[in-house]
Protein backbone atom coordinates (compact mmCIF):
# COMPACT_ATOMS: atom_id res chain seq x y z
CA MET A 1 103.51 117.70 78.84
CA GLU A 2 106.13 117.62 81.58
CA GLN A 3 105.33 115.78 84.81
CA LEU A 4 106.99 115.04 88.15
CA LEU A 5 106.87 111.43 89.38
CA VAL A 6 107.73 110.78 93.04
CA ARG A 7 108.07 107.33 94.66
CA LEU A 8 107.49 107.55 98.42
CA GLY A 9 108.66 105.12 101.09
CA ALA A 10 106.67 103.41 103.82
CA ARG A 11 108.44 105.42 106.53
CA PHE A 12 109.52 109.05 106.76
CA GLU A 13 113.21 108.08 106.79
CA ASP A 14 113.02 105.88 103.66
CA PRO A 15 114.68 107.15 100.43
CA VAL A 16 112.47 108.89 97.85
CA GLN A 17 113.06 108.53 94.09
CA TRP A 18 111.90 111.22 91.66
CA LEU A 19 111.81 111.88 87.91
CA VAL A 20 110.83 114.84 85.74
CA TYR A 21 109.77 113.51 82.33
CA THR A 22 107.69 114.17 79.26
CA ASP A 23 106.01 112.21 76.46
CA GLY A 24 104.96 109.27 78.61
CA GLY A 25 108.43 108.67 80.01
CA GLN A 26 110.23 108.71 76.64
CA GLU A 27 112.21 111.84 77.51
CA VAL A 28 113.87 112.27 80.91
CA ILE A 29 114.54 115.86 81.97
CA ALA A 30 115.96 115.24 85.44
CA SER A 31 116.00 112.48 88.07
CA GLY A 32 117.46 111.65 91.43
CA GLU A 33 116.97 110.21 94.91
CA LEU A 34 116.27 112.02 98.19
CA PRO A 35 117.51 110.65 101.52
CA GLU A 36 114.08 110.90 103.19
CA ALA A 37 110.62 112.43 102.91
CA GLY A 38 111.82 115.52 104.77
CA ALA A 39 113.78 116.52 101.67
CA LEU A 40 110.71 116.61 99.41
CA ASP A 41 110.63 120.40 99.65
CA THR A 42 113.74 120.49 97.43
CA LEU A 43 111.45 119.37 94.58
CA THR A 44 109.01 122.27 94.95
CA GLU A 45 110.85 124.46 92.45
CA ARG A 46 111.27 121.56 90.02
CA ALA A 47 107.54 120.79 90.24
CA GLY A 48 106.51 124.33 89.33
CA ASP A 49 103.20 124.07 87.48
CA ARG A 50 103.87 120.47 86.42
CA PRO A 51 101.36 117.77 87.46
CA VAL A 52 102.74 115.65 90.32
CA ILE A 53 102.06 111.91 90.51
CA ALA A 54 103.12 109.91 93.58
CA LEU A 55 103.78 106.18 93.88
CA ALA A 56 103.22 104.38 97.18
CA PRO A 57 105.00 101.16 98.24
CA ALA A 58 102.77 98.17 97.53
CA SER A 59 104.03 96.48 100.72
CA GLU A 60 101.68 98.83 102.63
CA ILE A 61 98.66 98.13 100.40
CA LEU A 62 96.44 95.06 100.02
CA LEU A 63 95.32 94.53 96.43
CA THR A 64 92.34 92.20 96.27
CA TRP A 65 89.11 91.43 94.44
CA VAL A 66 85.54 91.34 95.72
CA THR A 67 82.73 89.49 93.96
CA LEU A 68 79.62 91.67 93.81
CA PRO A 69 76.04 90.70 93.09
CA ALA A 70 74.68 91.49 89.66
CA ARG A 71 73.70 95.15 89.17
CA ALA A 72 75.41 96.22 92.37
CA ASN A 73 74.50 99.79 93.32
CA ARG A 74 76.28 102.40 95.43
CA LYS A 75 74.89 100.91 98.64
CA VAL A 76 76.47 97.55 97.85
CA LEU A 77 79.82 99.22 97.10
CA SER A 78 79.71 100.95 100.48
CA ALA A 79 79.46 97.52 102.11
CA ILE A 80 82.77 96.31 100.63
CA PRO A 81 84.74 96.94 103.89
CA TYR A 82 82.42 94.53 105.72
CA MET A 83 82.87 91.92 102.97
CA LEU A 84 86.62 92.02 103.62
CA GLU A 85 86.46 92.30 107.41
CA ASP A 86 87.41 88.65 108.01
CA GLU A 87 90.50 88.94 105.77
CA LEU A 88 91.99 91.91 107.65
CA ALA A 89 93.96 91.75 110.89
CA SER A 90 93.08 95.29 111.96
CA ASP A 91 89.81 97.14 112.45
CA ILE A 92 88.16 98.04 109.13
CA HIS A 93 87.48 101.55 110.45
CA GLN A 94 91.25 102.11 110.58
CA GLN A 95 91.55 101.19 106.88
CA PHE A 96 90.64 103.05 103.69
CA PHE A 97 89.14 101.10 100.78
CA ALA A 98 89.89 102.54 97.33
CA LEU A 99 88.06 101.13 94.31
CA GLY A 100 89.92 100.09 91.18
CA PRO A 101 88.62 98.71 87.89
CA ARG A 102 85.57 96.46 87.72
CA LEU A 103 85.45 93.36 85.52
CA GLY A 104 81.99 91.89 85.33
CA GLU A 105 80.98 91.01 88.88
CA ARG A 106 84.56 91.38 90.21
CA GLN A 107 85.52 94.70 91.80
CA ALA A 108 89.19 95.53 92.41
CA VAL A 109 89.87 97.02 95.84
CA ALA A 110 93.02 98.54 97.37
CA VAL A 111 93.12 98.53 101.17
CA VAL A 112 95.53 100.87 102.97
CA SER A 113 95.88 102.11 106.54
CA ARG A 114 94.30 105.53 107.07
CA ALA A 115 97.31 106.53 109.22
CA GLN A 116 99.70 105.62 106.40
CA LEU A 117 97.61 107.44 103.80
CA ASP A 118 97.48 110.51 106.04
CA SER A 119 101.28 110.44 106.35
CA TRP A 120 101.84 110.28 102.58
CA GLN A 121 99.50 113.22 102.01
CA GLN A 122 101.08 115.19 104.85
CA TRP A 123 104.61 114.71 103.47
CA MET A 124 103.58 116.08 100.08
CA GLN A 125 101.57 118.98 101.51
CA GLN A 126 104.36 120.06 103.87
CA ALA A 127 106.73 120.12 100.90
CA GLY A 128 104.35 122.38 98.96
CA LEU A 129 103.76 119.72 96.30
CA TYR A 130 100.23 119.63 94.91
CA CYS A 131 99.55 115.94 94.25
CA ASP A 132 96.09 114.56 93.46
CA THR A 133 97.17 111.11 92.22
CA LEU A 134 98.65 108.31 94.37
CA ILE A 135 99.21 104.86 92.81
CA PRO A 136 100.60 101.59 94.26
CA ASP A 137 104.10 101.37 92.75
CA VAL A 138 103.76 97.76 91.59
CA LEU A 139 100.81 98.76 89.35
CA ALA A 140 103.12 101.14 87.46
CA VAL A 141 105.34 98.24 86.36
CA PRO A 142 104.49 97.28 82.73
CA PRO A 143 102.47 94.03 82.94
CA CYS A 144 103.24 90.81 81.11
CA ALA A 145 100.11 89.42 79.45
CA ASP A 146 100.89 85.76 80.21
CA GLY A 147 103.51 86.00 82.94
CA TRP A 148 105.28 88.26 85.41
CA SER A 149 107.33 91.47 85.28
CA VAL A 150 110.14 92.46 87.63
CA LEU A 151 111.80 95.82 88.25
CA SER A 152 114.62 96.71 90.64
CA ILE A 153 114.56 100.19 92.21
CA GLY A 154 116.51 101.45 95.18
CA GLY A 155 116.81 98.49 97.53
CA ASP A 156 113.48 96.97 96.46
CA LEU A 157 112.11 94.63 93.84
CA LEU A 158 108.70 95.22 92.27
CA LEU A 159 107.19 91.95 91.02
CA ARG A 160 103.93 92.30 89.10
CA GLU A 161 101.46 89.59 88.12
CA GLU A 162 98.23 90.20 86.23
CA GLN A 163 96.26 93.45 86.26
CA TRP A 164 95.74 93.73 90.04
CA LYS A 165 98.41 91.70 91.75
CA GLY A 166 102.04 92.10 92.74
CA LEU A 167 104.71 92.17 95.44
CA GLN A 168 107.14 94.84 96.61
CA GLY A 169 110.00 94.30 99.02
CA GLU A 170 113.63 93.33 99.48
CA GLN A 171 115.29 91.10 96.90
CA SER A 172 116.35 88.68 99.64
CA TRP A 173 112.80 87.38 100.07
CA ILE A 174 111.01 88.39 96.85
CA LEU A 175 113.18 86.22 94.57
CA PRO A 176 113.08 83.07 96.78
CA ALA A 177 109.30 83.40 97.05
CA PHE A 178 108.96 83.70 93.26
CA ALA A 179 111.41 80.83 92.66
CA HIS A 180 109.39 78.58 94.97
CA LEU A 181 106.19 79.45 93.13
CA ALA A 182 107.79 78.84 89.71
CA ARG A 183 109.04 75.36 90.68
CA GLN A 184 105.48 74.30 91.46
CA GLN A 185 104.17 75.20 87.98
CA SER A 186 103.68 72.53 85.31
CA SER A 187 105.16 74.71 82.54
CA PRO A 188 107.92 77.36 82.49
CA VAL A 189 106.93 80.73 83.93
CA ARG A 190 107.55 83.75 81.73
CA LEU A 191 109.34 86.61 83.47
CA VAL A 192 110.09 89.94 81.76
CA SER A 193 112.98 91.68 83.56
CA TYR A 194 113.45 95.44 83.55
CA SER A 195 116.56 95.09 85.73
CA ASP A 196 120.15 93.91 85.40
CA ILE A 197 119.95 91.42 88.28
CA ALA A 198 120.93 87.82 87.48
CA LEU A 199 117.85 85.66 86.97
CA THR A 200 119.01 83.04 84.45
CA ASP A 201 119.71 80.35 87.07
CA MET A 202 116.09 80.20 88.27
CA VAL A 203 114.47 76.78 87.73
CA ASN A 204 111.38 76.58 85.46
CA VAL A 205 111.58 80.31 84.64
CA GLN A 206 111.82 81.71 81.12
CA VAL A 207 113.53 85.09 81.52
CA GLU A 208 113.15 87.80 78.87
CA GLN A 209 115.38 90.84 79.23
CA ALA A 210 113.68 94.15 78.43
CA PRO A 211 115.74 97.18 77.33
CA LEU A 212 117.50 98.66 80.36
CA GLU A 213 116.31 102.13 81.31
CA LEU A 214 116.15 104.14 84.50
CA PRO A 215 113.73 102.34 86.87
CA MET A 216 111.71 105.52 87.39
CA GLN A 217 111.56 106.00 83.63
CA VAL A 218 110.07 102.50 83.25
CA LEU A 219 107.44 103.35 85.87
CA ALA A 220 106.73 106.70 84.24
CA SER A 221 106.16 105.03 80.88
CA HIS A 222 103.28 102.99 82.28
CA VAL A 223 101.90 105.11 85.14
CA ALA A 224 99.31 106.73 82.87
CA HIS A 225 97.79 103.28 82.21
CA SER A 226 97.15 102.56 85.87
CA LYS A 227 93.43 102.44 86.62
CA VAL A 228 93.46 103.31 90.30
CA ASN A 229 93.98 106.40 92.43
CA LEU A 230 94.17 105.94 96.21
CA LEU A 231 93.18 109.60 96.65
CA GLN A 232 89.45 109.18 96.21
CA GLY A 233 86.39 109.72 98.34
CA GLU A 234 87.29 111.61 101.50
CA TYR A 235 90.97 111.65 100.44
CA LYS A 236 90.31 113.26 97.07
CA VAL A 237 92.43 116.40 96.72
CA LYS A 238 90.53 119.52 95.77
CA ARG A 239 91.80 121.52 92.84
CA GLN A 240 93.74 124.64 93.73
CA ARG A 241 91.92 127.82 92.79
CA THR A 242 93.58 131.11 91.89
CA GLY A 243 92.79 134.28 89.97
CA GLN A 244 89.22 135.46 90.16
CA TRP A 245 88.44 133.28 93.16
CA GLN A 246 91.02 135.15 95.23
CA GLN A 247 89.35 138.47 94.33
CA TRP A 248 85.97 137.26 95.56
CA LYS A 249 87.12 135.28 98.58
CA TRP A 250 86.42 138.15 101.02
CA VAL A 251 82.86 138.41 99.67
CA ALA A 252 82.34 134.73 100.34
CA GLY A 253 83.68 135.24 103.86
CA LEU A 254 81.13 137.97 104.59
CA ALA A 255 78.32 135.80 103.22
CA ALA A 256 79.41 132.92 105.43
CA LEU A 257 79.46 135.23 108.46
CA ALA A 258 75.93 136.47 107.73
CA LEU A 259 74.69 132.91 107.37
CA SER A 260 76.34 131.96 110.67
CA VAL A 261 74.51 134.76 112.51
CA THR A 262 71.20 133.64 111.03
CA LEU A 263 71.73 130.07 112.22
CA VAL A 264 72.80 130.88 115.79
CA GLU A 265 69.32 130.52 117.24
CA ARG A 266 68.69 127.22 115.55
CA GLY A 267 72.15 126.09 116.54
CA MET A 268 71.36 126.57 120.24
CA THR A 269 68.33 124.28 119.93
CA LEU A 270 70.37 121.68 118.07
CA SER A 271 73.05 121.88 120.74
CA GLN A 272 70.57 120.84 123.42
CA VAL A 273 69.48 117.84 121.36
CA GLU A 274 73.09 116.85 120.70
CA GLN A 275 73.86 116.97 124.44
CA GLN A 276 71.02 114.55 125.09
CA ASN A 277 72.29 112.27 122.30
CA ARG A 278 75.82 112.34 123.70
CA ALA A 279 74.57 111.43 127.16
CA LEU A 280 72.65 108.47 125.74
CA ALA A 281 75.66 107.39 123.63
CA SER A 282 77.86 107.53 126.74
CA GLN A 283 75.48 105.24 128.61
CA ILE A 284 75.52 102.77 125.70
CA ASP A 285 79.33 102.83 125.51
CA THR A 286 79.61 102.18 129.25
CA ALA A 287 77.30 99.18 129.04
CA VAL A 288 79.14 97.77 126.01
CA LYS A 289 82.57 98.18 127.62
CA ASN A 290 81.38 96.46 130.78
CA GLY A 291 80.17 93.49 128.80
CA PHE A 292 82.98 93.46 126.17
CA PRO A 293 86.07 95.11 127.69
CA ASP A 294 88.29 94.16 124.71
CA LEU A 295 85.87 95.12 121.96
CA GLY A 296 87.98 98.01 120.63
CA VAL A 297 86.84 100.64 118.12
CA TYR A 298 83.43 100.25 116.47
CA ARG A 299 81.08 102.38 114.37
CA ASP A 300 77.86 100.35 114.46
CA VAL A 301 77.42 98.99 118.01
CA ARG A 302 74.58 96.63 117.08
CA ARG A 303 76.55 95.09 114.19
CA LYS A 304 79.71 94.78 116.29
CA ILE A 305 77.99 93.09 119.23
CA THR A 306 76.19 90.68 116.88
CA SER A 307 79.53 89.82 115.24
CA GLN A 308 81.20 89.22 118.60
CA MET A 309 78.39 86.97 119.78
CA ALA A 310 78.66 84.95 116.58
CA LEU A 311 82.37 84.52 117.19
CA LEU A 312 81.70 83.35 120.74
CA LYS A 313 79.29 80.71 119.44
CA GLN A 314 81.58 79.65 116.60
CA SER A 315 84.78 79.27 118.59
CA GLY A 316 83.34 77.40 121.51
CA GLY A 317 82.94 78.95 124.94
CA ASP A 318 86.13 79.65 126.88
CA ALA A 319 88.31 79.10 123.83
CA SER A 320 86.87 82.09 121.94
CA MET A 321 88.96 85.01 120.80
CA LEU A 322 87.34 87.45 123.26
CA VAL A 323 87.87 85.14 126.23
CA MET A 324 91.48 84.45 125.23
CA LEU A 325 92.20 88.18 124.96
CA SER A 326 90.56 88.78 128.31
CA GLN A 327 92.72 86.08 129.91
CA LEU A 328 95.81 87.58 128.28
CA SER A 329 95.06 91.10 129.48
CA PRO A 330 97.23 90.73 132.65
CA ALA A 331 100.16 89.57 130.51
CA PHE A 332 99.85 92.61 128.22
CA ALA A 333 99.51 94.95 131.20
CA ALA A 334 102.46 93.49 133.14
CA THR A 335 104.90 93.58 130.21
CA GLN A 336 103.63 96.67 128.31
CA VAL A 337 103.70 94.55 125.14
CA ARG A 338 101.28 95.82 122.47
CA PRO A 339 99.78 93.77 119.58
CA GLN A 340 100.37 95.36 116.16
CA THR A 341 98.37 92.80 114.20
CA LEU A 342 96.11 89.99 115.40
CA ARG A 343 94.50 87.00 113.69
CA PHE A 344 92.26 84.34 115.25
CA ASP A 345 91.97 80.81 113.81
CA ALA A 346 88.70 79.38 115.14
CA ASN A 347 89.45 75.85 113.85
CA ARG A 348 92.84 75.67 115.57
CA VAL A 349 91.71 77.85 118.49
CA GLU A 350 94.81 80.00 118.28
CA LEU A 351 95.81 83.66 118.19
CA ARG A 352 98.57 84.85 115.88
CA ILE A 353 99.98 88.12 117.10
CA GLN A 354 102.68 90.45 115.84
CA ALA A 355 103.71 91.91 119.20
CA MET A 356 105.77 95.04 119.94
CA GLY A 357 107.79 95.48 123.14
CA LYS A 358 110.50 97.75 124.50
CA ASN A 359 113.13 94.95 124.42
CA PHE A 360 113.64 91.18 124.08
CA GLU A 361 113.08 90.71 127.82
CA ALA A 362 109.59 92.23 127.54
CA LEU A 363 108.58 89.67 124.87
CA GLU A 364 110.08 86.84 126.89
CA GLN A 365 108.24 87.99 130.02
CA PHE A 366 105.01 88.14 128.00
CA ARG A 367 105.58 84.53 126.90
CA ARG A 368 106.03 83.41 130.50
CA GLU A 369 102.96 85.34 131.68
CA ALA A 370 100.83 83.83 128.91
CA GLN A 371 102.03 80.32 129.75
CA SER A 372 101.23 80.95 133.41
CA ALA A 373 97.69 81.84 132.33
CA GLY A 374 97.35 78.33 130.87
CA PHE A 375 98.23 78.90 127.18
CA THR A 376 100.68 77.17 124.87
CA VAL A 377 102.97 79.83 123.38
CA GLU A 378 105.22 79.57 120.32
CA GLN A 379 107.54 82.51 119.66
CA GLY A 380 108.69 83.12 116.10
CA ALA A 381 111.11 85.56 114.48
CA ILE A 382 112.08 88.64 116.50
CA ASN A 383 113.39 91.81 114.83
CA ASN A 384 114.51 95.27 115.89
CA ARG A 385 112.70 98.31 114.48
CA ASP A 386 113.93 101.69 115.62
CA ASP A 387 114.04 101.48 119.43
CA MET A 388 111.42 98.71 119.70
CA VAL A 389 111.42 94.92 119.29
CA ILE A 390 108.80 93.14 117.17
CA GLY A 391 108.11 89.42 117.32
CA ASN A 392 105.60 86.90 115.96
CA VAL A 393 103.77 84.94 118.69
CA THR A 394 101.31 82.06 118.32
CA ILE A 395 99.10 81.41 121.35
CA ARG A 396 96.89 78.30 121.66
CA SER A 397 94.29 77.41 124.23
CA GLN A 398 94.93 74.17 126.06
CA SER A 399 91.24 73.64 126.78
């Protein structure tokens, strides 16, 4: 059966690789690379009635394991986001948690930003491509049973380890990171290469060269063995329906209209109750914001407040994360610098922020404002991204 495999980028302007293949990747019908996601509509005709599988860059996805209690039920699985809350820099309600394979009491989980997942789906839908399968690209690299596998595609390297682990990114940092890890091992590390890049000079690495094929063909040959689909739960794509359904769609519309008329009276009563609930919820939100102005987004107010109070106790009075953020609020407001990611180390009493500003001067002004507020500030690497500047900042309390 012929299929279309598409490898998306993290951003709309990133290149997109594609491959039309059959027989598990053994036969390539056509392949190529698009300049950006906006050109995906050129594949609509090629897709035709073929199944479409998409690969997502693993750099945007956290692959991790969660240990579950014995005989975990659906309720326990729904609590997985809260089990991982301390490991994530952003709010868990902004993330989607897709379940992978389960081995005994260990459950594989893929964590991805809801905004990023929405973008990938939107790109495919706007191009008229029906895609109900989205897989992290590193999990389509053939695994090595007792080592690692590496594949070069576009400007990236895909480095896979084990069943549920891998890295994706630029060669300039992937290879040095792997070389550092290999030097620390007591025995040579086995590395199966599906690329023509030079790897023979790496210390303590036993390189095995696999037959050279098109990178997308290598991914296509193993994509069917991947045991995860990010499009699950609320992101599951419904099957397209044609034929007889189209003939009866107007009947279903009339039935829905009749049901709506029947429920109008009850709906008015429910509306009054909902108004009362919204008024009460507004009062609760106002009280919470007055007490915790930097609390951010929350779903369960009782759980969130309990968590914040625990943090206050753990981190020690004025040195807590909430107090530090409150004291830094004037610096954020004066410089219009926004935190992209944020981590708090209670033992070191420090905030690690990836901050975004309009220019280098904005980040420098933020540093001065934070120091004026009584903090010790260390500024790390600063990079340009589009028309913004992003820098790593470590802020410690002096108290």
